[in-house]
């Protein structure tokens, strides 16, 4: 039984994916700033610009994700997870001490350090999970990205609703959850999440993978709907709230059904453990795009000639950043995630400006619909790529349209605008994050993917600085009036109207860049399409 769940077994691979899902369920804490930002603003007597700069510092923590990217090719996954959990414990733990009044408010510069540590912690968690799972499931990058990024999208709603149910939206309790829960989950994942030799997968197992991924999707959708129902049904009593929390934890544990089912199935089928050590029948899979690339690279090295890698082959960092395609992807990603982060970081103040004293429902709506965008785009982009060689960047272009419409609606500041805008912007932001992950790997390979991914993620702090720290901060303060205590406030639709108009323009710029990149990548996706098709036909023949 121990061998059945070992890191070299098929069941062990799925158990690792389950723990990866759990890590993603708690690693979206960067998106929860609005839940406690107002408490920090009042306690520290900050202006909106100072508060926005604090949120920018939080996102700047992702700039140090380059360290996680470098480490991903040099140290085990468990070490990367350990570093992330310790950073989060320190960063959010210090903020909890301040907000809970256990210590006096720290100087602004010291608070910036701890906020940055908390923000950086997620880069280690996300890098460990994405790099390991993308390599373990090389032929299913769309579904893997959609599921993992989808659970990140849900994490904000999970934390928000758990805090609401158990602690009546207490900002200090919320920060304590952000400090402790991710550390516990990461320590659990350290035991099970490892890279698995791709040759360990049976040809017949490829058909089962689709079914397993479908189960993960269904489980995630059920969690999302469950969270949405809790949000829209208003206030709940203490008993109902505790029951909600218990059922939510059970739903989050439900993906364990996959490795348990896999273990039982293969134990019955083979009468013994099936793994890569020669036990059971292992049929090599058809070469993936990366294996073909690796063979080409070895041939080049054997011939003593060094050639510039073509798009679709493994690129080192400097090789990738010297390509035109990298900068198109980088800038289009900035237009999408930068504007999305501005809304997420300022949702508390946007809601207050439009007359809502409680903005938790809008934070949850952005999170939940971001989940639907992530998980749906992962499957849809994979389906159309396999069936019609449709370039994935076209789905990024579609996400920019959703976000542009959302910004226009919020700029109008009509009754219900914030509900509609939260849904559209959350969904578009989710699509952008989920689709960009496999696009980067298909452009530049998986060999140096951890570092390349974290270079792209620099757009989060950069976009937060440009659109949230500068644009939203300055324009809000220009409209706001001073309050007693040194802060300021603004009430009315005019507070963020110009911000939304400018971000609408940025969305259309991103739309043009995405369409251009899709046009440039059409030949690459046709090659990927033709490689996957024979592999699937071989799988079906073997199955029958």
Protein backbone atom coordinates (compact mmCIF):
# COMPACT_ATOMS: atom_id res chain seq x y z
CA UNK A 1 0.00 0.00 0.00
CA UNK A 2 2.87 2.36 0.75
CA UNK A 3 4.29 1.63 -2.69
CA UNK A 4 0.87 2.23 -4.25
CA UNK A 5 0.96 5.84 -3.05
CA UNK A 6 4.66 6.37 -3.68
CA UNK A 7 5.91 9.32 -5.71
CA UNK A 8 6.73 6.96 -8.61
CA UNK A 9 3.22 5.51 -8.88
CA UNK A 10 0.29 6.69 -10.96
CA UNK A 11 -1.85 6.96 -7.84
CA UNK A 12 0.89 8.97 -6.16
CA UNK A 13 0.82 11.39 -9.08
CA UNK A 14 -2.90 12.02 -8.56
CA UNK A 15 -2.49 12.33 -4.80
CA UNK A 16 0.13 15.00 -5.49
CA UNK A 17 -2.31 16.79 -7.79
CA UNK A 18 -4.95 16.77 -5.04
CA UNK A 19 -2.56 18.44 -2.61
CA UNK A 20 -1.64 20.90 -5.38
CA UNK A 21 -5.33 21.80 -5.62
CA UNK A 22 -5.39 22.40 -1.87
CA UNK A 23 -2.35 24.65 -2.08
CA UNK A 24 -4.02 26.68 -4.81
CA UNK A 25 -7.20 26.89 -2.72
CA UNK A 26 -5.29 28.88 -0.09
CA UNK A 27 -2.66 30.69 -2.16
CA UNK A 28 -4.84 33.47 -3.52
CA UNK A 29 -4.34 35.56 -0.40
CA UNK A 30 -2.87 38.36 -2.51
CA UNK A 31 -6.40 39.03 -3.75
CA UNK A 32 -7.88 39.42 -0.26
CA UNK A 33 -6.38 42.83 0.58
CA UNK A 34 -9.76 44.56 0.42
CA UNK A 35 -11.00 42.44 3.33
CA UNK A 36 -8.68 44.12 5.81
CA UNK A 37 -7.37 47.21 3.97
CA UNK A 38 -9.88 49.57 5.57
CA UNK A 39 -8.82 48.38 9.05
CA UNK A 40 -5.20 49.17 8.17
CA UNK A 41 -6.19 52.55 6.71
CA UNK A 42 -8.03 53.62 9.86
CA UNK A 43 -5.52 52.14 12.32
CA UNK A 44 -2.50 53.72 10.61
CA UNK A 45 -4.25 56.94 9.48
CA UNK A 46 -3.37 56.44 5.81
CA UNK A 47 -4.50 58.36 2.74
CA UNK A 48 -5.85 56.38 -0.19
CA UNK A 49 -2.57 56.87 -2.05
CA UNK A 50 -0.61 55.49 0.92
CA UNK A 51 -3.00 52.54 1.19
CA UNK A 52 -2.75 51.84 -2.54
CA UNK A 53 1.03 52.00 -2.31
CA UNK A 54 0.83 49.45 0.49
CA UNK A 55 -1.18 47.16 -1.78
CA UNK A 56 1.39 47.77 -4.51
CA UNK A 57 4.16 46.72 -2.13
CA UNK A 58 2.15 43.56 -1.47
CA UNK A 59 2.12 42.86 -5.19
CA UNK A 60 5.79 43.85 -5.45
CA UNK A 61 6.45 40.73 -3.43
CA UNK A 62 5.77 38.86 -6.64
CA UNK A 63 8.74 40.60 -8.24
CA UNK A 64 10.93 38.45 -6.03
CA UNK A 65 9.22 35.42 -7.52
CA UNK A 66 12.25 35.27 -9.83
CA UNK A 67 14.02 33.64 -6.88
CA UNK A 68 11.33 30.95 -6.80
CA UNK A 69 11.72 30.48 -10.55
CA UNK A 70 15.47 30.02 -10.24
CA UNK A 71 15.01 27.61 -7.35
CA UNK A 72 12.40 25.51 -9.21
CA UNK A 73 15.12 23.97 -11.42
CA UNK A 74 17.58 23.46 -8.57
CA UNK A 75 15.81 22.36 -5.39
CA UNK A 76 13.00 19.88 -4.62
CA UNK A 77 9.37 20.95 -4.68
CA UNK A 78 9.12 20.42 -0.92
CA UNK A 79 11.79 23.06 -0.21
CA UNK A 80 10.00 25.63 -2.38
CA UNK A 81 6.73 24.97 -0.53
CA UNK A 82 8.48 25.26 2.84
CA UNK A 83 9.94 28.66 1.97
CA UNK A 84 6.52 29.94 0.85
CA UNK A 85 4.78 28.73 4.01
CA UNK A 86 7.35 30.32 6.35
CA UNK A 87 7.23 33.66 4.49
CA UNK A 88 3.44 33.74 4.67
CA UNK A 89 3.44 32.88 8.35
CA UNK A 90 5.79 35.78 9.12
CA UNK A 91 4.29 38.33 6.72
CA UNK A 92 0.61 37.87 7.55
CA UNK A 93 1.39 37.02 11.17
CA UNK A 94 2.93 40.46 11.70
CA UNK A 95 -0.08 42.16 10.12
CA UNK A 96 -2.37 40.14 12.40
CA UNK A 97 -0.46 41.31 15.47
CA UNK A 98 -1.02 44.93 14.43
CA UNK A 99 -4.69 44.70 13.42
CA UNK A 100 -5.57 42.62 16.52
CA UNK A 101 -3.94 45.34 18.70
CA UNK A 102 -1.49 42.86 20.21
CA UNK A 103 1.30 45.26 19.27
CA UNK A 104 1.25 48.97 18.46
CA UNK A 105 1.04 49.97 14.78
CA UNK A 106 4.38 49.51 13.08
CA UNK A 107 6.08 52.31 11.15
CA UNK A 108 4.93 52.46 7.55
CA UNK A 109 8.24 51.17 6.15
CA UNK A 110 8.21 48.15 8.48
CA UNK A 111 4.65 47.33 7.53
CA UNK A 112 5.72 47.47 3.88
CA UNK A 113 8.34 44.77 4.57
CA UNK A 114 5.85 42.38 6.16
CA UNK A 115 3.23 43.04 3.49
CA UNK A 116 5.87 42.30 0.84
CA UNK A 117 6.80 39.02 2.58
CA UNK A 118 3.17 37.93 2.55
CA UNK A 119 2.87 38.77 -1.13
CA UNK A 120 6.07 36.95 -2.02
CA UNK A 121 4.99 33.79 -0.19
CA UNK A 122 2.44 32.96 -2.86
CA UNK A 123 5.04 33.03 -5.64
CA UNK A 124 6.84 30.10 -4.02
CA UNK A 125 3.60 28.15 -3.57
CA UNK A 126 2.35 28.83 -7.11
CA UNK A 127 5.72 28.08 -8.71
CA UNK A 128 6.05 24.77 -6.88
CA UNK A 129 2.55 23.69 -7.86
CA UNK A 130 2.42 24.91 -11.47
CA UNK A 131 5.88 23.76 -12.53
CA UNK A 132 5.47 20.30 -10.98
CA UNK A 133 1.95 19.69 -12.31
CA UNK A 134 2.64 21.06 -15.80
CA UNK A 135 5.54 18.62 -16.07
CA UNK A 136 3.53 15.72 -14.64
CA UNK A 137 0.63 16.32 -17.08
CA UNK A 138 2.39 17.57 -20.21
CA UNK A 139 -0.40 16.60 -22.62
CA UNK A 140 -3.16 18.28 -20.60
CA UNK A 141 -1.82 21.75 -19.91
CA UNK A 142 -5.11 23.52 -20.54
CA UNK A 143 -7.17 21.50 -18.03
CA UNK A 144 -4.33 21.50 -15.47
CA UNK A 145 -3.91 25.26 -15.71
CA UNK A 146 -7.67 25.84 -15.60
CA UNK A 147 -8.19 23.68 -12.52
CA UNK A 148 -5.22 25.00 -10.55
CA UNK A 149 -5.80 28.63 -11.46
CA UNK A 150 -9.51 28.11 -10.88
CA UNK A 151 -8.95 27.09 -7.28
CA UNK A 152 -6.75 30.17 -6.79
CA UNK A 153 -9.72 32.18 -8.01
CA UNK A 154 -11.91 30.50 -5.42
CA UNK A 155 -9.43 30.99 -2.60
CA UNK A 156 -10.52 34.59 -1.95
CA UNK A 157 -14.15 33.50 -1.60
CA UNK A 158 -13.12 30.49 0.51
CA UNK A 159 -11.22 32.67 2.99
CA UNK A 160 -13.83 35.43 2.94
CA UNK A 161 -16.81 33.15 3.49
CA UNK A 162 -15.07 31.03 6.14
CA UNK A 163 -14.17 34.19 8.05
CA UNK A 164 -17.71 35.50 7.66
CA UNK A 165 -19.20 32.21 8.87
CA UNK A 166 -16.86 31.63 11.80
CA UNK A 167 -15.60 35.06 12.87
CA UNK A 168 -18.21 37.61 11.67
CA UNK A 169 -15.86 39.21 9.12
CA UNK A 170 -13.27 40.15 11.75
CA UNK A 171 -10.20 41.61 9.92
CA UNK A 172 -7.83 40.31 12.61
CA UNK A 173 -9.26 36.78 12.42
CA UNK A 174 -9.03 36.95 8.65
CA UNK A 175 -5.32 37.79 8.81
CA UNK A 176 -4.73 34.98 11.30
CA UNK A 177 -6.32 32.57 8.80
CA UNK A 178 -4.04 33.90 6.05
CA UNK A 179 -1.00 33.25 8.25
CA UNK A 180 -1.79 29.80 9.62
CA UNK A 181 -3.91 27.86 7.10
CA UNK A 182 -1.52 28.15 4.09
CA UNK A 183 1.40 27.01 6.28
CA UNK A 184 -0.47 23.89 7.37
CA UNK A 185 -1.60 23.02 3.84
CA UNK A 186 1.88 23.54 2.35
CA UNK A 187 3.44 21.28 4.98
CA UNK A 188 0.95 18.57 3.98
CA UNK A 189 1.64 19.02 0.28
CA UNK A 190 5.40 18.73 0.86
CA UNK A 191 4.90 15.02 1.56
CA UNK A 192 2.97 14.16 -1.61
CA UNK A 193 3.73 16.63 -4.42
CA UNK A 194 6.70 15.49 -6.54
CA UNK A 195 7.62 15.29 -10.19
CA UNK A 196 6.76 11.94 -11.81
CA UNK A 197 8.53 10.38 -14.77
CA UNK A 198 6.16 10.91 -17.76
CA UNK A 199 7.09 7.41 -19.01
CA UNK A 200 5.15 6.04 -16.01
CA UNK A 201 1.80 6.66 -17.68
CA UNK A 202 0.09 3.79 -19.43
CA UNK A 203 -1.45 4.49 -22.81
CA UNK A 204 -4.78 3.35 -21.36
CA UNK A 205 -4.31 5.77 -18.47
CA UNK A 206 -4.58 8.71 -20.88
CA UNK A 207 -8.30 8.03 -21.29
CA UNK A 208 -8.72 7.88 -17.52
CA UNK A 209 -6.98 11.24 -17.12
CA UNK A 210 -9.79 12.97 -19.00
CA UNK A 211 -12.32 11.44 -16.63
CA UNK A 212 -10.31 12.38 -13.58
CA UNK A 213 -9.92 15.96 -14.75
CA UNK A 214 -13.68 16.07 -15.39
CA UNK A 215 -14.25 15.03 -11.77
CA UNK A 216 -11.93 17.79 -10.53
CA UNK A 217 -13.86 20.29 -12.64
CA UNK A 218 -17.23 19.12 -11.35
CA UNK A 219 -15.99 19.23 -7.75
CA UNK A 220 -14.67 22.75 -8.26
CA UNK A 221 -17.91 23.95 -9.84
CA UNK A 222 -19.88 22.54 -6.91
CA UNK A 223 -17.62 24.44 -4.49
CA UNK A 224 -18.08 27.64 -6.52
CA UNK A 225 -21.88 27.32 -6.63
CA UNK A 226 -21.96 26.50 -2.93
CA UNK A 227 -19.95 29.63 -2.11
CA UNK A 228 -22.15 31.72 -4.40
CA UNK A 229 -25.32 30.48 -2.67
CA UNK A 230 -23.86 31.40 0.71
CA UNK A 231 -23.10 34.91 -0.54
CA UNK A 232 -26.49 35.65 -2.11
CA UNK A 233 -28.66 34.25 0.70
CA UNK A 234 -27.84 37.08 3.09
CA UNK A 235 -27.05 36.81 6.79
CA UNK A 236 -26.94 33.42 8.50
CA UNK A 237 -27.23 32.31 12.10
CA UNK A 238 -24.26 30.84 14.01
CA UNK A 239 -25.43 27.22 13.67
CA UNK A 240 -26.03 27.51 9.93
CA UNK A 241 -22.70 29.26 9.48
CA UNK A 242 -20.82 26.48 11.25
CA UNK A 243 -22.64 23.89 9.15
CA UNK A 244 -21.68 25.82 6.02
CA UNK A 245 -18.00 25.77 7.05
CA UNK A 246 -18.06 22.02 7.76
CA UNK A 247 -19.66 21.19 4.40
CA UNK A 248 -17.21 23.50 2.58
CA UNK A 249 -14.24 21.67 4.10
CA UNK A 250 -15.79 18.33 3.07
CA UNK A 251 -16.22 19.58 -0.51
CA UNK A 252 -12.59 20.71 -0.60
CA UNK A 253 -11.56 17.22 0.53
CA UNK A 254 -13.67 15.49 -2.17
CA UNK A 255 -10.87 15.39 -4.81
CA UNK A 256 -9.29 12.67 -2.66
CA UNK A 257 -11.79 10.35 -4.34
CA UNK A 258 -9.59 10.33 -7.47
CA UNK A 259 -6.38 8.84 -6.00
CA UNK A 260 -8.43 6.47 -3.83
CA UNK A 261 -10.38 5.25 -6.87
CA UNK A 262 -7.16 4.98 -8.89
CA UNK A 263 -5.53 2.89 -6.16
CA UNK A 264 -8.46 0.51 -5.90
CA UNK A 265 -8.83 0.17 -9.67
CA UNK A 266 -5.22 -0.65 -10.44
CA UNK A 267 -4.87 -2.92 -7.44
CA UNK A 268 -7.83 -4.98 -8.69
CA UNK A 269 -6.70 -4.82 -12.31
CA UNK A 270 -3.13 -5.95 -11.78
CA UNK A 271 -3.30 -7.66 -8.43
CA UNK A 272 -0.31 -5.60 -7.41
CA UNK A 273 1.02 -2.06 -7.46
CA UNK A 274 1.44 -0.43 -10.85
CA UNK A 275 4.40 1.93 -10.95
CA UNK A 276 7.47 2.78 -12.98
CA UNK A 277 9.76 0.23 -11.35
CA UNK A 278 8.73 -2.58 -13.66
CA UNK A 279 5.64 -3.71 -11.73
CA UNK A 280 2.71 -4.00 -14.08
CA UNK A 281 2.66 -3.19 -17.77
CA UNK A 282 3.90 0.22 -18.76
CA UNK A 283 3.38 1.31 -22.35
CA UNK A 284 5.35 4.40 -23.40
CA UNK A 285 3.25 7.30 -24.56
CA UNK A 286 3.74 9.04 -27.84
CA UNK A 287 6.36 11.80 -27.76
CA UNK A 288 5.02 15.11 -26.53
CA UNK A 289 6.01 18.41 -27.96
CA UNK A 290 8.70 18.72 -25.26
CA UNK A 291 10.20 15.29 -25.93
CA UNK A 292 10.40 16.06 -29.62
CA UNK A 293 12.04 19.36 -28.75
CA UNK A 294 14.49 17.58 -26.46
CA UNK A 295 15.44 15.16 -29.21
CA UNK A 296 16.03 18.03 -31.61
CA UNK A 297 18.15 19.81 -29.02
CA UNK A 298 20.26 16.70 -28.43
CA UNK A 299 20.80 16.29 -32.16
CA UNK A 300 21.99 19.88 -32.40
CA UNK A 301 24.36 19.44 -29.48
CA UNK A 302 25.64 16.16 -30.90
CA UNK A 303 26.44 17.87 -34.16
CA UNK A 304 28.37 20.55 -32.32
CA UNK A 305 26.19 23.34 -33.72
CA UNK A 306 24.33 25.79 -31.52
CA UNK A 307 21.22 27.19 -33.09
CA UNK A 308 18.71 29.70 -31.87
CA UNK A 309 15.70 27.73 -30.60
CA UNK A 310 12.56 28.01 -32.65
CA UNK A 311 9.25 29.04 -31.14
CA UNK A 312 7.84 25.96 -29.40
CA UNK A 313 11.26 24.64 -28.36
CA UNK A 314 12.87 25.02 -24.94
CA UNK A 315 14.15 28.57 -24.42
CA UNK A 316 16.49 29.83 -21.75
CA UNK A 317 15.50 33.13 -20.17
CA UNK A 318 17.71 35.34 -22.34
CA UNK A 319 16.68 33.45 -25.46
CA UNK A 320 13.01 33.99 -24.64
CA UNK A 321 13.21 37.70 -23.78
CA UNK A 322 15.00 38.40 -27.05
CA UNK A 323 11.96 37.24 -29.03
CA UNK A 324 9.24 39.57 -30.26
CA UNK A 325 6.57 37.10 -29.14
CA UNK A 326 7.68 37.28 -25.50
CA UNK A 327 7.14 41.03 -25.34
CA UNK A 328 3.76 40.83 -27.07
CA UNK A 329 2.69 38.28 -24.46
CA UNK A 330 4.24 40.33 -21.64
CA UNK A 331 2.53 43.60 -22.61
CA UNK A 332 -0.86 42.01 -23.32
CA UNK A 333 -0.64 40.26 -19.94
CA UNK A 334 0.10 43.64 -18.33
CA UNK A 335 -3.04 45.17 -19.86
CA UNK A 336 -5.15 42.33 -18.48
CA UNK A 337 -3.78 41.63 -15.02
CA UNK A 338 -2.74 45.21 -14.26
CA UNK A 339 -6.24 46.60 -14.70
CA UNK A 340 -7.76 43.59 -12.95
CA UNK A 341 -5.47 44.03 -9.93
CA UNK A 342 -6.47 47.69 -9.71
CA UNK A 343 -10.12 46.70 -9.24
CA UNK A 344 -9.31 43.88 -6.81
CA UNK A 345 -7.04 46.06 -4.65
CA UNK A 346 -9.50 48.98 -4.62
CA UNK A 347 -12.75 47.04 -4.30
CA UNK A 348 -13.19 48.16 -0.69
CA UNK A 349 -12.96 51.84 -1.59
CA UNK A 350 -14.91 51.41 -4.86
CA UNK A 351 -17.77 49.86 -2.92
CA UNK A 352 -17.73 52.59 -0.27
CA UNK A 353 -17.67 55.27 -2.98
CA UNK A 354 -20.80 53.75 -4.54
CA UNK A 355 -22.61 53.59 -1.21
CA UNK A 356 -21.98 50.02 -0.03
CA UNK A 357 -20.83 49.67 3.58
CA UNK A 358 -20.16 45.92 3.14
CA UNK A 359 -18.15 44.99 0.03
CA UNK A 360 -17.53 41.32 0.90
CA UNK A 361 -20.11 40.14 -1.64
CA UNK A 362 -18.33 41.98 -4.47
CA UNK A 363 -14.99 40.49 -3.41
CA UNK A 364 -16.58 37.03 -3.45
CA UNK A 365 -18.30 37.66 -6.80
CA UNK A 366 -15.00 38.68 -8.39
CA UNK A 367 -13.38 35.57 -6.95
CA UNK A 368 -16.11 33.10 -7.91
CA UNK A 369 -16.62 34.38 -11.46
CA UNK A 370 -12.86 34.57 -11.82
CA UNK A 371 -12.93 30.86 -11.04
CA UNK A 372 -15.48 30.18 -13.79
CA UNK A 373 -13.29 32.14 -16.20
CA UNK A 374 -10.19 30.18 -15.25
CA UNK A 375 -11.60 26.69 -15.22
CA UNK A 376 -13.79 27.21 -18.28
CA UNK A 377 -11.05 28.73 -20.42
CA UNK A 378 -8.69 25.88 -19.57
CA UNK A 379 -11.06 23.29 -20.99
CA UNK A 380 -12.38 25.37 -23.88
CA UNK A 381 -8.95 26.46 -25.11
CA UNK A 382 -7.70 22.85 -24.94
CA UNK A 383 -10.77 21.52 -26.78
CA UNK A 384 -10.57 23.97 -29.67
CA UNK A 385 -6.80 23.60 -29.92
CA UNK A 386 -7.13 19.82 -30.29
CA UNK A 387 -10.13 19.97 -32.61
CA UNK A 388 -9.40 22.99 -34.80
CA UNK A 389 -5.85 24.16 -33.93
CA UNK A 390 -7.32 27.40 -32.51
CA UNK A 391 -4.53 29.53 -30.99
CA UNK A 392 -5.00 29.99 -27.24
CA UNK A 393 -4.24 33.75 -27.30
CA UNK A 394 -7.63 34.30 -28.96
CA UNK A 395 -9.22 33.45 -25.62
CA UNK A 396 -7.07 36.09 -23.96
CA UNK A 397 -8.45 38.52 -26.53
CA UNK A 398 -11.99 37.51 -25.54
CA UNK A 399 -11.12 38.15 -21.88
CA UNK A 400 -10.10 41.73 -22.72
CA UNK A 401 -13.53 42.35 -24.25
CA UNK A 402 -15.21 41.12 -21.06
CA UNK A 403 -13.05 43.38 -18.91
CA UNK A 404 -13.58 46.42 -21.15
CA UNK A 405 -17.36 46.01 -20.88
CA UNK A 406 -17.02 45.59 -17.11
CA UNK A 407 -15.05 48.84 -16.78
CA UNK A 408 -17.60 50.72 -18.89
CA UNK A 409 -20.46 49.44 -16.73
CA UNK A 410 -18.67 50.44 -13.51
CA UNK A 411 -17.83 53.88 -14.92
CA UNK A 412 -21.55 54.47 -15.49
CA UNK A 413 -22.14 53.95 -11.73
CA UNK A 414 -25.78 52.94 -12.22
CA UNK A 415 -27.66 50.87 -9.62
CA UNK A 416 -26.32 47.32 -9.83
CA UNK A 417 -23.25 48.37 -11.84
CA UNK A 418 -20.86 47.03 -9.22
CA UNK A 419 -22.52 43.60 -9.31
CA UNK A 420 -22.29 43.35 -13.11
CA UNK A 421 -18.81 44.85 -13.22
CA UNK A 422 -17.49 42.48 -10.54
CA UNK A 423 -18.74 39.48 -12.51
CA UNK A 424 -17.38 40.58 -15.91
CA UNK A 425 -14.00 41.78 -14.63
CA UNK A 426 -13.59 38.70 -12.43
CA UNK A 427 -14.35 36.37 -15.33
CA UNK A 428 -12.07 38.19 -17.78
CA UNK A 429 -9.23 38.34 -15.25
CA UNK A 430 -9.62 34.61 -14.60
CA UNK A 431 -9.46 33.73 -18.30
CA UNK A 432 -6.32 35.83 -18.73
CA UNK A 433 -4.47 34.09 -15.87
CA UNK A 434 -5.46 30.56 -16.85
CA UNK A 435 -4.76 30.83 -20.58
CA UNK A 436 -1.41 32.64 -20.30
CA UNK A 437 0.10 29.75 -18.29
CA UNK A 438 -0.05 27.14 -21.11
CA UNK A 439 0.62 29.78 -23.80
CA UNK A 440 3.99 30.57 -22.21
CA UNK A 441 4.90 26.88 -22.01
CA UNK A 442 3.89 26.27 -25.63
CA UNK A 443 5.93 29.23 -26.82
CA UNK A 444 9.09 28.58 -24.82
CA UNK A 445 8.94 24.99 -23.53
CA UNK A 446 8.89 23.51 -20.03
CA UNK A 447 12.59 23.08 -19.31
CA UNK A 448 13.02 26.61 -17.91
CA UNK A 449 9.34 27.25 -17.34
CA UNK A 450 9.57 28.12 -13.63
CA UNK A 451 11.78 31.14 -14.27
CA UNK A 452 9.91 32.29 -17.40
CA UNK A 453 6.57 32.06 -15.58
CA UNK A 454 7.84 34.28 -12.77
CA UNK A 455 9.17 36.82 -15.26
CA UNK A 456 5.66 37.08 -16.70
CA UNK A 457 4.24 37.35 -13.18
CA UNK A 458 6.25 40.57 -12.79
CA UNK A 459 3.24 42.09 -14.52
CA UNK A 460 1.26 41.73 -11.28
CA UNK A 461 3.40 44.15 -9.23
CA UNK A 462 4.10 46.31 -12.28
CA UNK A 463 0.42 46.51 -13.18
CA UNK A 464 -0.53 47.09 -9.56
CA UNK A 465 1.95 49.98 -9.35
CA UNK A 466 0.80 51.60 -12.61
CA UNK A 467 -2.97 51.11 -12.43
CA UNK A 468 -3.60 50.82 -8.68
CA UNK A 469 -0.76 52.65 -6.94
CA UNK A 470 -0.44 55.56 -9.38
CA UNK A 471 -3.57 55.82 -11.53
CA UNK A 472 -6.27 54.90 -9.00
CA UNK A 473 -4.42 56.41 -6.03
CA UNK A 474 -3.77 59.83 -7.54
CA UNK A 475 -7.16 60.19 -9.23
CA UNK A 476 -9.06 59.09 -6.11
CA UNK A 477 -7.12 61.51 -3.89
CA UNK A 478 -7.83 64.30 -6.39
CA UNK A 479 -11.57 63.73 -5.86
CA UNK A 480 -11.47 62.95 -2.12
CA UNK A 481 -11.90 65.24 0.89
CA UNK A 482 -9.85 65.15 4.09
CA UNK A 483 -11.24 63.42 7.18
CA UNK A 484 -10.42 63.67 10.86
CA UNK A 485 -7.35 61.59 11.66
CA UNK A 486 -5.34 62.33 8.53
CA UNK A 487 -7.10 60.12 6.00
CA UNK A 488 -9.51 61.03 3.19
CA UNK A 489 -12.67 59.73 1.59
CA UNK A 490 -14.73 60.11 -1.59
CA UNK A 491 -18.39 59.26 -2.15
CA UNK A 492 -20.01 59.07 -5.58
CA UNK A 493 -19.61 57.63 -9.05
CA UNK A 494 -17.12 60.32 -10.02
CA UNK A 495 -14.46 58.95 -7.63
CA UNK A 496 -13.26 56.22 -10.01
CA UNK A 497 -14.92 57.16 -13.32
CA UNK A 498 -11.76 58.41 -15.03
CA UNK A 499 -9.84 55.40 -13.70
CA UNK A 500 -12.33 53.03 -15.37
CA UNK A 501 -12.21 54.94 -18.67
CA UNK A 502 -8.42 54.74 -18.83
CA UNK A 503 -8.48 51.02 -17.97
CA UNK A 504 -11.04 50.46 -20.74
CA UNK A 505 -8.57 51.93 -23.23
CA UNK A 506 -5.82 49.66 -21.82
CA UNK A 507 -8.10 46.65 -22.32
CA UNK A 508 -8.55 47.43 -26.01
CA UNK A 509 -4.77 47.75 -26.38
CA UNK A 510 -4.43 44.29 -24.84
CA UNK A 511 -7.12 43.00 -27.21
CA UNK A 512 -5.10 44.11 -30.23
CA UNK A 513 -1.89 42.55 -28.88
CA UNK A 514 -3.62 39.22 -28.20
CA UNK A 515 -5.09 39.01 -31.69
CA UNK A 516 -1.68 39.82 -33.18
CA UNK A 517 0.01 37.10 -31.07
CA UNK A 518 -2.64 34.56 -32.09
CA UNK A 519 -1.93 35.35 -35.73
CA UNK A 520 1.81 34.84 -35.21
CA UNK A 521 1.30 31.54 -33.36
CA UNK A 522 -1.16 29.91 -35.77
CA UNK A 523 1.52 27.67 -37.37
CA UNK A 524 2.76 26.52 -33.95
CA UNK A 525 -0.72 25.54 -32.83
CA UNK A 526 -1.29 23.67 -36.08
CA UNK A 527 1.84 21.61 -35.34
CA UNK A 528 0.68 20.94 -31.78
CA UNK A 529 -2.73 19.96 -33.14
CA UNK A 530 -1.25 17.47 -35.62
CA UNK A 531 0.99 15.93 -32.94
CA UNK A 532 -1.83 15.45 -30.46
CA UNK A 533 -4.22 13.93 -32.99
CA UNK A 534 -2.14 10.83 -33.87
CA UNK A 535 -1.40 10.34 -30.15
CA UNK A 536 -5.11 10.33 -29.32
CA UNK A 537 -5.90 7.93 -32.17
CA UNK A 538 -3.20 5.55 -30.91
CA UNK A 539 -4.66 5.72 -27.43
CA UNK A 540 -8.12 4.83 -28.71
CA UNK A 541 -6.76 1.88 -30.72
CA UNK A 542 -4.90 0.55 -27.68
CA UNK A 543 -7.97 1.00 -25.50
CA UNK A 544 -10.15 -0.99 -27.90
